[in-house]
Amino acid sequence: MLLIIPLILLLVLKLANVWIFATMSWWWIIGLAVFAFLWFEIFERILGLDKRRDNAHFEKMKQERIKRTFNKKN
């Protein structure tokens, strides 16, 4: 997400011809988009960040389910 927000911001500023961004090369935006794509599709999988996020989500759901189950019985 930290890559997508600056990418969108740069794109909007470039298209709106704001200040210094009006003369900025399109290659900066394209380069950032390619880097974001590579990060989310390749590097995140290689580093295992996508699995950690999924595991943390499922662990949280499991803990909430356990809490609800034990609270109902008491």
PDB file of N, CA and C in Angstrom:
ATOM      1  N   MET A   1       0.828  -1.193   0.000  1.00  0.00           N
ATOM      2  CA  MET A   1       0.000   0.000   0.000  1.00  0.00           C
ATOM      3  C   MET A   1       0.871   1.255   0.000  1.00  0.00           C
ATOM      4  N   LEU A   2       2.035   1.144   0.608  1.00  0.00           N
ATOM      5  CA  LEU A   2       2.921   2.301   0.641  1.00  0.00           C
ATOM      6  C   LEU A   2       3.484   2.629  -0.740  1.00  0.00           C
ATOM      7  N   LEU A   3       3.404   1.702  -1.664  1.00  0.00           N
ATOM      8  CA  LEU A   3       3.850   1.973  -3.031  1.00  0.00           C
ATOM      9  C   LEU A   3       2.716   2.502  -3.903  1.00  0.00           C
ATOM     10  N   ILE A   4       1.508   2.082  -3.610  1.00  0.00           N
ATOM     11  CA  ILE A   4       0.375   2.447  -4.445  1.00  0.00           C
ATOM     12  C   ILE A   4      -0.032   3.909  -4.238  1.00  0.00           C
ATOM     13  N   ILE A   5      -0.015   4.372  -3.006  1.00  0.00           N
ATOM     14  CA  ILE A   5      -0.437   5.752  -2.716  1.00  0.00           C
ATOM     15  C   ILE A   5       0.463   6.777  -3.419  1.00  0.00           C
ATOM     16  N   PRO A   6       1.809   6.678  -3.297  1.00  0.00           N
ATOM     17  CA  PRO A   6       2.642   7.640  -4.047  1.00  0.00           C
ATOM     18  C   PRO A   6       2.477   7.515  -5.560  1.00  0.00           C
ATOM     19  N   LEU A   7       2.245   6.301  -6.039  1.00  0.00           N
ATOM     20  CA  LEU A   7       2.039   6.106  -7.468  1.00  0.00           C
ATOM     21  C   LEU A   7       0.796   6.855  -7.942  1.00  0.00           C
ATOM     22  N   ILE A   8      -0.281   6.710  -7.231  1.00  0.00           N
ATOM     23  CA  ILE A   8      -1.523   7.403  -7.602  1.00  0.00           C
ATOM     24  C   ILE A   8      -1.356   8.910  -7.457  1.00  0.00           C
ATOM     25  N   LEU A   9      -0.688   9.338  -6.387  1.00  0.00           N
ATOM     26  CA  LEU A   9      -0.456  10.765  -6.174  1.00  0.00           C
ATOM     27  C   LEU A   9       0.380  11.371  -7.304  1.00  0.00           C
ATOM     28  N   LEU A  10       1.447  10.695  -7.690  1.00  0.00           N
ATOM     29  CA  LEU A  10       2.274  11.176  -8.802  1.00  0.00           C
ATOM     30  C   LEU A  10       1.476  11.234 -10.100  1.00  0.00           C
ATOM     31  N   LEU A  11       0.670  10.230 -10.338  1.00  0.00           N
ATOM     32  CA  LEU A  11      -0.123  10.196 -11.558  1.00  0.00           C
ATOM     33  C   LEU A  11      -1.112  11.353 -11.603  1.00  0.00           C
ATOM     34  N   VAL A  12      -1.795  11.598 -10.497  1.00  0.00           N
ATOM     35  CA  VAL A  12      -2.769  12.698 -10.449  1.00  0.00           C
ATOM     36  C   VAL A  12      -2.071  14.041 -10.616  1.00  0.00           C
ATOM     37  N   LEU A  13      -0.946  14.233  -9.936  1.00  0.00           N
ATOM     38  CA  LEU A  13      -0.223  15.503 -10.052  1.00  0.00           C
ATOM     39  C   LEU A  13       0.319  15.719 -11.462  1.00  0.00           C
ATOM     40  N   LYS A  14       0.768  14.640 -12.102  1.00  0.00           N
ATOM     41  CA  LYS A  14       1.277  14.743 -13.471  1.00  0.00           C
ATOM     42  C   LYS A  14       0.140  15.099 -14.439  1.00  0.00           C
ATOM     43  N   LEU A  15      -0.993  14.424 -14.284  1.00  0.00           N
ATOM     44  CA  LEU A  15      -2.118  14.695 -15.183  1.00  0.00           C
ATOM     45  C   LEU A  15      -2.726  16.078 -14.957  1.00  0.00           C
ATOM     46  N   ALA A  16      -2.638  16.595 -13.734  1.00  0.00           N
ATOM     47  CA  ALA A  16      -3.188  17.920 -13.421  1.00  0.00           C
ATOM     48  C   ALA A  16      -2.192  19.044 -13.732  1.00  0.00           C
ATOM     49  N   ASN A  17      -1.009  18.687 -14.193  1.00  0.00           N
ATOM     50  CA  ASN A  17       0.037  19.669 -14.519  1.00  0.00           C
ATOM     51  C   ASN A  17       0.341  20.594 -13.344  1.00  0.00           C
ATOM     52  N   VAL A  18       0.576  19.994 -12.190  1.00  0.00           N
ATOM     53  CA  VAL A  18       0.858  20.738 -10.978  1.00  0.00           C
ATOM     54  C   VAL A  18       2.359  20.964 -10.862  1.00  0.00           C
ATOM     55  N   TRP A  19       2.748  22.199 -10.713  1.00  0.00           N
ATOM     56  CA  TRP A  19       4.089  22.661 -10.402  1.00  0.00           C
ATOM     57  C   TRP A  19       5.173  21.873 -11.109  1.00  0.00           C
ATOM     58  N   ILE A  20       6.090  21.270 -10.390  1.00  0.00           N
ATOM     59  CA  ILE A  20       7.238  20.589 -10.981  1.00  0.00           C
ATOM     60  C   ILE A  20       6.864  19.231 -11.586  1.00  0.00           C
ATOM     61  N   PHE A  21       5.724  18.709 -11.171  1.00  0.00           N
ATOM     62  CA  PHE A  21       5.300  17.400 -11.674  1.00  0.00           C
ATOM     63  C   PHE A  21       4.854  17.476 -13.132  1.00  0.00           C
ATOM     64  N   ALA A  22       4.528  18.657 -13.602  1.00  0.00           N
ATOM     65  CA  ALA A  22       4.122  18.827 -14.996  1.00  0.00           C
ATOM     66  C   ALA A  22       5.267  18.523 -15.952  1.00  0.00           C
ATOM     67  N   THR A  23       6.485  18.807 -15.528  1.00  0.00           N
ATOM     68  CA  THR A  23       7.642  18.565 -16.398  1.00  0.00           C
ATOM     69  C   THR A  23       8.338  17.238 -16.081  1.00  0.00           C
ATOM     70  N   MET A  24       7.849  16.535 -15.116  1.00  0.00           N
ATOM     71  CA  MET A  24       8.452  15.260 -14.729  1.00  0.00           C
ATOM     72  C   MET A  24       8.231  14.223 -15.836  1.00  0.00           C
ATOM     73  N   SER A  25       9.217  13.384 -16.026  1.00  0.00           N
ATOM     74  CA  SER A  25       9.119  12.351 -17.048  1.00  0.00           C
ATOM     75  C   SER A  25       8.121  11.270 -16.643  1.00  0.00           C
ATOM     76  N   TRP A  26       7.450  10.718 -17.657  1.00  0.00           N
ATOM     77  CA  TRP A  26       6.516   9.617 -17.402  1.00  0.00           C
ATOM     78  C   TRP A  26       7.250   8.367 -16.921  1.00  0.00           C
ATOM     79  N   TRP A  27       8.540   8.293 -17.186  1.00  0.00           N
ATOM     80  CA  TRP A  27       9.316   7.117 -16.784  1.00  0.00           C
ATOM     81  C   TRP A  27       9.359   6.942 -15.273  1.00  0.00           C
ATOM     82  N   TRP A  28       9.263   8.025 -14.508  1.00  0.00           N
ATOM     83  CA  TRP A  28       9.219   7.912 -13.043  1.00  0.00           C
ATOM     84  C   TRP A  28       7.950   7.181 -12.600  1.00  0.00           C
ATOM     85  N   ILE A  29       6.844   7.526 -13.212  1.00  0.00           N
ATOM     86  CA  ILE A  29       5.569   6.891 -12.861  1.00  0.00           C
ATOM     87  C   ILE A  29       5.550   5.449 -13.337  1.00  0.00           C
ATOM     88  N   ILE A  30       6.009   5.214 -14.552  1.00  0.00           N
ATOM     89  CA  ILE A  30       6.056   3.853 -15.079  1.00  0.00           C
ATOM     90  C   ILE A  30       7.007   2.995 -14.257  1.00  0.00           C
ATOM     91  N   GLY A  31       8.160   3.555 -13.881  1.00  0.00           N
ATOM     92  CA  GLY A  31       9.125   2.820 -13.066  1.00  0.00           C
ATOM     93  C   GLY A  31       8.563   2.452 -11.703  1.00  0.00           C
ATOM     94  N   LEU A  32       7.866   3.379 -11.089  1.00  0.00           N
ATOM     95  CA  LEU A  32       7.250   3.095  -9.794  1.00  0.00           C
ATOM     96  C   LEU A  32       6.155   2.043  -9.928  1.00  0.00           C
ATOM     97  N   ALA A  33       5.394   2.087 -11.014  1.00  0.00           N
ATOM     98  CA  ALA A  33       4.345   1.088 -11.247  1.00  0.00           C
ATOM     99  C   ALA A  33       4.957  -0.293 -11.467  1.00  0.00           C
ATOM    100  N   VAL A  34       6.032  -0.361 -12.220  1.00  0.00           N
ATOM    101  CA  VAL A  34       6.713  -1.646 -12.445  1.00  0.00           C
ATOM    102  C   VAL A  34       7.288  -2.175 -11.133  1.00  0.00           C
ATOM    103  N   PHE A  35       7.898  -1.303 -10.345  1.00  0.00           N
ATOM    104  CA  PHE A  35       8.449  -1.729  -9.061  1.00  0.00           C
ATOM    105  C   PHE A  35       7.350  -2.242  -8.133  1.00  0.00           C
ATOM    106  N   ALA A  36       6.208  -1.544  -8.097  1.00  0.00           N
ATOM    107  CA  ALA A  36       5.086  -1.983  -7.264  1.00  0.00           C
ATOM    108  C   ALA A  36       4.578  -3.340  -7.732  1.00  0.00           C
ATOM    109  N   PHE A  37       4.475  -3.527  -9.034  1.00  0.00           N
ATOM    110  CA  PHE A  37       4.028  -4.806  -9.574  1.00  0.00           C
ATOM    111  C   PHE A  37       4.994  -5.919  -9.179  1.00  0.00           C
ATOM    112  N   LEU A  38       6.282  -5.680  -9.372  1.00  0.00           N
ATOM    113  CA  LEU A  38       7.279  -6.693  -9.015  1.00  0.00           C
ATOM    114  C   LEU A  38       7.252  -6.992  -7.526  1.00  0.00           C
ATOM    115  N   TRP A  39       7.074  -5.964  -6.717  1.00  0.00           N
ATOM    116  CA  TRP A  39       7.038  -6.165  -5.265  1.00  0.00           C
ATOM    117  C   TRP A  39       5.866  -7.062  -4.874  1.00  0.00           C
ATOM    118  N   PHE A  40       4.673  -6.729  -5.335  1.00  0.00           N
ATOM    119  CA  PHE A  40       3.488  -7.465  -4.910  1.00  0.00           C
ATOM    120  C   PHE A  40       3.386  -8.847  -5.545  1.00  0.00           C
ATOM    121  N   GLU A  41       3.921  -9.019  -6.734  1.00  0.00           N
ATOM    122  CA  GLU A  41       3.782 -10.299  -7.417  1.00  0.00           C
ATOM    123  C   GLU A  41       4.964 -11.246  -7.195  1.00  0.00           C
ATOM    124  N   ILE A  42       6.146 -10.712  -6.944  1.00  0.00           N
ATOM    125  CA  ILE A  42       7.325 -11.585  -6.854  1.00  0.00           C
ATOM    126  C   ILE A  42       7.996 -11.515  -5.491  1.00  0.00           C
ATOM    127  N   PHE A  43       8.467 -10.329  -5.102  1.00  0.00           N
ATOM    128  CA  PHE A  43       9.278 -10.208  -3.891  1.00  0.00           C
ATOM    129  C   PHE A  43       8.508 -10.551  -2.625  1.00  0.00           C
ATOM    130  N   GLU A  44       7.238 -10.170  -2.575  1.00  0.00           N
ATOM    131  CA  GLU A  44       6.438 -10.458  -1.391  1.00  0.00           C
ATOM    132  C   GLU A  44       6.272 -11.969  -1.206  1.00  0.00           C
ATOM    133  N   ARG A  45       6.099 -12.682  -2.310  1.00  0.00           N
ATOM    134  CA  ARG A  45       5.992 -14.145  -2.237  1.00  0.00           C
ATOM    135  C   ARG A  45       7.312 -14.786  -1.855  1.00  0.00           C
ATOM    136  N   ILE A  46       8.410 -14.294  -2.414  1.00  0.00           N
ATOM    137  CA  ILE A  46       9.725 -14.846  -2.103  1.00  0.00           C
ATOM    138  C   ILE A  46      10.050 -14.673  -0.623  1.00  0.00           C
ATOM    139  N   LEU A  47       9.731 -13.511  -0.073  1.00  0.00           N
ATOM    140  CA  LEU A  47      10.009 -13.229   1.335  1.00  0.00           C
ATOM    141  C   LEU A  47       8.987 -13.849   2.279  1.00  0.00           C
ATOM    142  N   GLY A  48       7.903 -14.379   1.744  1.00  0.00           N
ATOM    143  CA  GLY A  48       6.891 -15.028   2.560  1.00  0.00           C
ATOM    144  C   GLY A  48       5.972 -14.063   3.284  1.00  0.00           C
ATOM    145  N   LEU A  49       5.947 -12.815   2.863  1.00  0.00           N
ATOM    146  CA  LEU A  49       5.119 -11.818   3.540  1.00  0.00           C
ATOM    147  C   LEU A  49       3.638 -12.061   3.327  1.00  0.00           C
ATOM    148  N   ASP A  50       3.269 -12.617   2.182  1.00  0.00           N
ATOM    149  CA  ASP A  50       1.854 -12.883   1.932  1.00  0.00           C
ATOM    150  C   ASP A  50       1.340 -13.988   2.841  1.00  0.00           C
ATOM    151  N   LYS A  51       2.148 -14.995   3.108  1.00  0.00           N
ATOM    152  CA  LYS A  51       1.728 -16.092   3.993  1.00  0.00           C
ATOM    153  C   LYS A  51       1.636 -15.627   5.440  1.00  0.00           C
ATOM    154  N   ARG A  52       2.562 -14.790   5.868  1.00  0.00           N
ATOM    155  CA  ARG A  52       2.520 -14.287   7.243  1.00  0.00           C
ATOM    156  C   ARG A  52       1.261 -13.489   7.496  1.00  0.00           C
ATOM    157  N   ARG A  53       0.885 -12.677   6.536  1.00  0.00           N
ATOM    158  CA  ARG A  53      -0.313 -11.863   6.675  1.00  0.00           C
ATOM    159  C   ARG A  53      -1.549 -12.765   6.744  1.00  0.00           C
ATOM    160  N   ASP A  54      -1.607 -13.789   5.891  1.00  0.00           N
ATOM    161  CA  ASP A  54      -2.733 -14.722   5.919  1.00  0.00           C
ATOM    162  C   ASP A  54      -2.769 -15.486   7.229  1.00  0.00           C
ATOM    163  N   ASN A  55      -1.621 -15.959   7.675  1.00  0.00           N
ATOM    164  CA  ASN A  55      -1.574 -16.711   8.920  1.00  0.00           C
ATOM    165  C   ASN A  55      -1.998 -15.854  10.104  1.00  0.00           C
ATOM    166  N   ALA A  56      -1.576 -14.616  10.134  1.00  0.00           N
ATOM    167  CA  ALA A  56      -1.961 -13.721  11.230  1.00  0.00           C
ATOM    168  C   ALA A  56      -3.471 -13.485  11.216  1.00  0.00           C
ATOM    169  N   HIS A  57      -4.035 -13.355  10.045  1.00  0.00           N
ATOM    170  CA  HIS A  57      -5.484 -13.140   9.935  1.00  0.00           C
ATOM    171  C   HIS A  57      -6.245 -14.364  10.451  1.00  0.00           C
ATOM    172  N   PHE A  58      -5.825 -15.551  10.033  1.00  0.00           N
ATOM    173  CA  PHE A  58      -6.509 -16.766  10.468  1.00  0.00           C
ATOM    174  C   PHE A  58      -6.298 -17.037  11.951  1.00  0.00           C
ATOM    175  N   GLU A  59      -5.145 -16.691  12.467  1.00  0.00           N
ATOM    176  CA  GLU A  59      -4.892 -16.855  13.903  1.00  0.00           C
ATOM    177  C   GLU A  59      -5.802 -15.933  14.711  1.00  0.00           C
ATOM    178  N   LYS A  60      -6.002 -14.715  14.232  1.00  0.00           N
ATOM    179  CA  LYS A  60      -6.890 -13.777  14.914  1.00  0.00           C
ATOM    180  C   LYS A  60      -8.323 -14.302  14.899  1.00  0.00           C
ATOM    181  N   MET A  61      -8.760 -14.828  13.757  1.00  0.00           N
ATOM    182  CA  MET A  61     -10.106 -15.399  13.671  1.00  0.00           C
ATOM    183  C   MET A  61     -10.253 -16.582  14.626  1.00  0.00           C
ATOM    184  N   LYS A  62      -9.228 -17.394  14.730  1.00  0.00           N
ATOM    185  CA  LYS A  62      -9.255 -18.555  15.617  1.00  0.00           C
ATOM    186  C   LYS A  62      -9.378 -18.123  17.074  1.00  0.00           C
ATOM    187  N   GLN A  63      -8.606 -17.117  17.471  1.00  0.00           N
ATOM    188  CA  GLN A  63      -8.660 -16.634  18.849  1.00  0.00           C
ATOM    189  C   GLN A  63     -10.032 -16.035  19.173  1.00  0.00           C
ATOM    190  N   GLU A  64     -10.616 -15.304  18.236  1.00  0.00           N
ATOM    191  CA  GLU A  64     -11.949 -14.739  18.461  1.00  0.00           C
ATOM    192  C   GLU A  64     -12.999 -15.837  18.588  1.00  0.00           C
ATOM    193  N   ARG A  65     -12.887 -16.881  17.783  1.00  0.00           N
ATOM    194  CA  ARG A  65     -13.825 -17.990  17.851  1.00  0.00           C
ATOM    195  C   ARG A  65     -13.708 -18.725  19.181  1.00  0.00           C
ATOM    196  N   ILE A  66     -12.487 -18.921  19.652  1.00  0.00           N
ATOM    197  CA  ILE A  66     -12.266 -19.572  20.944  1.00  0.00           C
ATOM    198  C   ILE A  66     -12.852 -18.725  22.068  1.00  0.00           C
ATOM    199  N   LYS A  67     -12.616 -17.421  21.993  1.00  0.00           N
ATOM    200  CA  LYS A  67     -13.139 -16.515  23.027  1.00  0.00           C
ATOM    201  C   LYS A  67     -14.664 -16.545  23.064  1.00  0.00           C
ATOM    202  N   ARG A  68     -15.300 -16.515  21.897  1.00  0.00           N
ATOM    203  CA  ARG A  68     -16.761 -16.558  21.841  1.00  0.00           C
ATOM    204  C   ARG A  68     -17.295 -17.880  22.384  1.00  0.00           C
ATOM    205  N   THR A  69     -16.625 -18.989  22.054  1.00  0.00           N
ATOM    206  CA  THR A  69     -17.085 -20.303  22.498  1.00  0.00           C
ATOM    207  C   THR A  69     -17.023 -20.410  24.009  1.00  0.00           C
ATOM    208  N   PHE A  70     -15.927 -20.017  24.594  1.00  0.00           N
ATOM    209  CA  PHE A  70     -15.775 -20.144  26.039  1.00  0.00           C
ATOM    210  C   PHE A  70     -16.617 -19.137  26.811  1.00  0.00           C
ATOM    211  N   ASN A  71     -16.880 -17.990  26.241  1.00  0.00           N
ATOM    212  CA  ASN A  71     -17.728 -16.992  26.900  1.00  0.00           C
ATOM    213  C   ASN A  71     -19.194 -17.422  26.914  1.00  0.00           C
ATOM    214  N   LYS A  72     -19.643 -18.159  25.911  1.00  0.00           N
ATOM    215  CA  LYS A  72     -21.030 -18.624  25.874  1.00  0.00           C
ATOM    216  C   LYS A  72     -21.296 -19.703  26.923  1.00  0.00           C
ATOM    217  N   LYS A  73     -20.323 -20.542  27.185  1.00  0.00           N
ATOM    218  CA  LYS A  73     -20.510 -21.646  28.118  1.00  0.00           C
ATOM    219  C   LYS A  73     -20.520 -21.188  29.572  1.00  0.00           C
ATOM    220  N   ASN A  74     -19.880 -20.075  29.850  1.00  0.00           N
ATOM    221  CA  ASN A  74     -19.799 -19.596  31.255  1.00  0.00           C
ATOM    222  C   ASN A  74     -21.036 -18.928  31.700  1.00  0.00           C
TER     223      ASN A  74
END
